[in-house]
Amino acid sequence: MGACNLNHSQQEVRLKFESQKTFLPSEISQTLDRYLEKGKSQETLNELFHLLKKYDLSTQDEQESRNEKLKRIML
C-alpha cells in the first residue's frame, strides 16, 4: 500500500470498518469492533483505514495478508 498524507479520523475509520465489516472474518470483525471503541493514535488510525480500504475488492491472498496485519495491530 502506498503512503498517504491524509490523516483519518476515528469516525472515518469506523465508517470504513462498517462498510467492510461483512467481508471480514467474524473473529477479526468482532475484535476490531471492540478495538475501535478506544481512542487510537493517528498512525494506527491511518494504518487501519488503509487496511480496510477496498478490502472487499482485494484478492484472497491480499485479504489474508491484511488479516494478519490487522491481528498484529490489535494485539
N, C-alpha and C. Protein backbone atom coordinates (compact mmCIF):
# COMPACT_ATOMS: atom_id res chain seq x y z
N MET A 1 0.83 -1.18 0.00
CA MET A 1 0.00 0.00 0.00
C MET A 1 0.88 1.24 0.00
N GLY A 2 0.49 2.20 -0.82
CA GLY A 2 1.27 3.41 -0.94
C GLY A 2 1.08 4.32 0.26
N ALA A 3 2.02 5.23 0.41
CA ALA A 3 1.94 6.20 1.50
C ALA A 3 0.81 7.19 1.23
N CYS A 4 0.16 7.60 2.27
CA CYS A 4 -0.93 8.55 2.18
C CYS A 4 -0.64 9.69 3.14
N ASN A 5 -0.81 10.90 2.67
CA ASN A 5 -0.52 12.05 3.52
C ASN A 5 -1.73 12.52 4.32
N LEU A 6 -2.86 11.88 4.12
CA LEU A 6 -4.07 12.26 4.85
C LEU A 6 -4.13 11.57 6.21
N ASN A 7 -4.60 12.31 7.19
CA ASN A 7 -4.87 11.71 8.48
C ASN A 7 -6.35 11.38 8.53
N HIS A 8 -6.66 10.17 8.97
CA HIS A 8 -8.04 9.70 9.02
C HIS A 8 -8.53 9.72 10.46
N SER A 9 -9.71 10.25 10.65
CA SER A 9 -10.28 10.38 11.99
C SER A 9 -10.83 9.05 12.48
N GLN A 10 -11.08 8.98 13.78
CA GLN A 10 -11.71 7.81 14.38
C GLN A 10 -13.03 7.50 13.66
N GLN A 11 -13.79 8.56 13.36
CA GLN A 11 -15.08 8.38 12.69
C GLN A 11 -14.90 7.84 11.27
N GLU A 12 -13.92 8.32 10.55
CA GLU A 12 -13.67 7.82 9.19
C GLU A 12 -13.29 6.34 9.22
N VAL A 13 -12.47 5.96 10.18
CA VAL A 13 -12.07 4.56 10.30
C VAL A 13 -13.28 3.71 10.66
N ARG A 14 -14.11 4.21 11.56
CA ARG A 14 -15.32 3.48 11.96
C ARG A 14 -16.25 3.29 10.76
N LEU A 15 -16.43 4.33 9.97
CA LEU A 15 -17.29 4.23 8.78
C LEU A 15 -16.72 3.25 7.76
N LYS A 16 -15.41 3.29 7.57
CA LYS A 16 -14.77 2.35 6.63
C LYS A 16 -14.93 0.92 7.14
N PHE A 17 -14.76 0.74 8.44
CA PHE A 17 -14.95 -0.58 9.04
C PHE A 17 -16.38 -1.07 8.82
N GLU A 18 -17.35 -0.20 9.08
CA GLU A 18 -18.76 -0.60 8.91
C GLU A 18 -19.06 -1.00 7.47
N SER A 19 -18.43 -0.32 6.52
CA SER A 19 -18.68 -0.64 5.10
C SER A 19 -18.03 -1.95 4.67
N GLN A 20 -17.01 -2.39 5.39
CA GLN A 20 -16.28 -3.60 5.02
C GLN A 20 -16.54 -4.78 5.97
N LYS A 21 -17.27 -4.52 7.03
CA LYS A 21 -17.49 -5.49 8.11
C LYS A 21 -17.94 -6.86 7.61
N THR A 22 -18.86 -6.89 6.68
CA THR A 22 -19.40 -8.17 6.21
C THR A 22 -18.39 -8.99 5.42
N PHE A 23 -17.32 -8.36 4.95
CA PHE A 23 -16.30 -9.05 4.17
C PHE A 23 -15.16 -9.58 5.04
N LEU A 24 -15.09 -9.10 6.27
CA LEU A 24 -14.02 -9.51 7.18
C LEU A 24 -14.37 -10.83 7.86
N PRO A 25 -13.37 -11.64 8.21
CA PRO A 25 -13.65 -12.84 9.02
C PRO A 25 -14.30 -12.39 10.34
N SER A 26 -15.24 -13.17 10.83
CA SER A 26 -16.01 -12.75 12.02
C SER A 26 -15.14 -12.48 13.23
N GLU A 27 -14.08 -13.28 13.44
CA GLU A 27 -13.21 -13.06 14.60
C GLU A 27 -12.53 -11.70 14.52
N ILE A 28 -12.09 -11.31 13.33
CA ILE A 28 -11.44 -10.01 13.16
C ILE A 28 -12.47 -8.89 13.30
N SER A 29 -13.62 -9.08 12.71
CA SER A 29 -14.67 -8.08 12.77
C SER A 29 -15.07 -7.79 14.22
N GLN A 30 -15.28 -8.82 15.01
CA GLN A 30 -15.69 -8.64 16.41
C GLN A 30 -14.59 -7.98 17.23
N THR A 31 -13.36 -8.41 17.03
CA THR A 31 -12.23 -7.86 17.77
C THR A 31 -11.99 -6.40 17.38
N LEU A 32 -12.07 -6.12 16.10
CA LEU A 32 -11.84 -4.76 15.62
C LEU A 32 -12.95 -3.82 16.10
N ASP A 33 -14.16 -4.31 16.16
CA ASP A 33 -15.28 -3.50 16.66
C ASP A 33 -14.98 -3.04 18.09
N ARG A 34 -14.54 -3.95 18.94
CA ARG A 34 -14.19 -3.60 20.33
C ARG A 34 -12.94 -2.73 20.37
N TYR A 35 -11.98 -3.03 19.52
CA TYR A 35 -10.72 -2.29 19.48
C TYR A 35 -10.95 -0.81 19.16
N LEU A 36 -11.90 -0.54 18.26
CA LEU A 36 -12.17 0.83 17.83
C LEU A 36 -12.94 1.64 18.86
N GLU A 37 -13.43 1.01 19.90
CA GLU A 37 -14.15 1.74 20.95
C GLU A 37 -13.22 2.65 21.74
N LYS A 38 -11.95 2.30 21.77
CA LYS A 38 -10.96 3.09 22.50
C LYS A 38 -10.22 4.00 21.52
N GLY A 39 -9.80 5.15 21.99
CA GLY A 39 -9.05 6.08 21.16
C GLY A 39 -7.73 5.46 20.72
N LYS A 40 -7.34 5.72 19.51
CA LYS A 40 -6.10 5.18 18.94
C LYS A 40 -5.23 6.31 18.43
N SER A 41 -3.93 6.05 18.30
CA SER A 41 -3.01 7.05 17.77
C SER A 41 -3.34 7.33 16.30
N GLN A 42 -2.91 8.48 15.82
CA GLN A 42 -3.16 8.85 14.43
C GLN A 42 -2.52 7.84 13.48
N GLU A 43 -1.33 7.39 13.81
CA GLU A 43 -0.64 6.41 12.98
C GLU A 43 -1.45 5.11 12.87
N THR A 44 -1.99 4.66 13.98
CA THR A 44 -2.80 3.44 13.99
C THR A 44 -4.08 3.63 13.20
N LEU A 45 -4.74 4.77 13.37
CA LEU A 45 -5.97 5.04 12.62
C LEU A 45 -5.70 5.02 11.12
N ASN A 46 -4.62 5.67 10.71
CA ASN A 46 -4.28 5.69 9.28
C ASN A 46 -4.01 4.29 8.74
N GLU A 47 -3.28 3.50 9.52
CA GLU A 47 -2.97 2.13 9.08
C GLU A 47 -4.24 1.29 8.98
N LEU A 48 -5.10 1.39 9.97
CA LEU A 48 -6.36 0.65 9.94
C LEU A 48 -7.21 1.04 8.74
N PHE A 49 -7.29 2.34 8.48
CA PHE A 49 -8.09 2.82 7.35
C PHE A 49 -7.62 2.19 6.06
N HIS A 50 -6.31 2.18 5.85
CA HIS A 50 -5.79 1.66 4.59
C HIS A 50 -5.85 0.14 4.48
N LEU A 51 -5.83 -0.54 5.61
CA LEU A 51 -6.02 -2.00 5.57
C LEU A 51 -7.47 -2.34 5.24
N LEU A 52 -8.40 -1.49 5.67
CA LEU A 52 -9.81 -1.73 5.42
C LEU A 52 -10.26 -1.23 4.04
N LYS A 53 -9.56 -0.23 3.51
CA LYS A 53 -9.94 0.38 2.24
C LYS A 53 -9.93 -0.67 1.12
N LYS A 54 -11.05 -0.79 0.44
CA LYS A 54 -11.23 -1.72 -0.68
C LYS A 54 -10.89 -3.17 -0.32
N TYR A 55 -11.08 -3.50 0.95
CA TYR A 55 -10.84 -4.88 1.39
C TYR A 55 -11.66 -5.85 0.55
N ASP A 56 -12.91 -5.49 0.29
CA ASP A 56 -13.82 -6.37 -0.45
C ASP A 56 -13.35 -6.62 -1.89
N LEU A 57 -12.56 -5.72 -2.45
CA LEU A 57 -12.09 -5.87 -3.82
C LEU A 57 -10.72 -6.54 -3.92
N SER A 58 -10.13 -6.83 -2.77
CA SER A 58 -8.80 -7.44 -2.73
C SER A 58 -8.87 -8.92 -3.06
N THR A 59 -7.75 -9.43 -3.56
CA THR A 59 -7.66 -10.87 -3.83
C THR A 59 -7.65 -11.63 -2.49
N GLN A 60 -7.88 -12.91 -2.56
CA GLN A 60 -7.85 -13.74 -1.35
C GLN A 60 -6.50 -13.63 -0.64
N ASP A 61 -5.41 -13.67 -1.41
CA ASP A 61 -4.06 -13.54 -0.82
C ASP A 61 -3.89 -12.20 -0.13
N GLU A 62 -4.35 -11.14 -0.78
CA GLU A 62 -4.23 -9.80 -0.20
C GLU A 62 -5.08 -9.69 1.07
N GLN A 63 -6.27 -10.27 1.05
CA GLN A 63 -7.11 -10.25 2.25
C GLN A 63 -6.44 -10.98 3.41
N GLU A 64 -5.83 -12.11 3.13
CA GLU A 64 -5.13 -12.86 4.18
C GLU A 64 -3.96 -12.05 4.74
N SER A 65 -3.24 -11.36 3.87
CA SER A 65 -2.14 -10.51 4.32
C SER A 65 -2.67 -9.37 5.20
N ARG A 66 -3.76 -8.76 4.78
CA ARG A 66 -4.36 -7.68 5.57
C ARG A 66 -4.88 -8.21 6.90
N ASN A 67 -5.45 -9.41 6.89
CA ASN A 67 -5.95 -10.01 8.13
C ASN A 67 -4.82 -10.17 9.14
N GLU A 68 -3.67 -10.63 8.67
CA GLU A 68 -2.52 -10.80 9.57
C GLU A 68 -2.07 -9.45 10.13
N LYS A 69 -2.03 -8.44 9.30
CA LYS A 69 -1.64 -7.10 9.76
C LYS A 69 -2.65 -6.56 10.76
N LEU A 70 -3.93 -6.78 10.50
CA LEU A 70 -4.96 -6.33 11.44
C LEU A 70 -4.82 -7.03 12.79
N LYS A 71 -4.55 -8.32 12.75
CA LYS A 71 -4.36 -9.07 14.00
C LYS A 71 -3.17 -8.54 14.80
N ARG A 72 -2.06 -8.24 14.10
CA ARG A 72 -0.87 -7.71 14.78
C ARG A 72 -1.16 -6.36 15.43
N ILE A 73 -1.91 -5.52 14.74
CA ILE A 73 -2.24 -4.20 15.30
C ILE A 73 -3.06 -4.35 16.58
N MET A 74 -3.97 -5.30 16.58
CA MET A 74 -4.91 -5.44 17.71
C MET A 74 -4.36 -6.25 18.89
N LEU A 75 -3.14 -6.72 18.80
CA LEU A 75 -2.55 -7.47 19.92
C LEU A 75 -2.42 -6.61 21.15
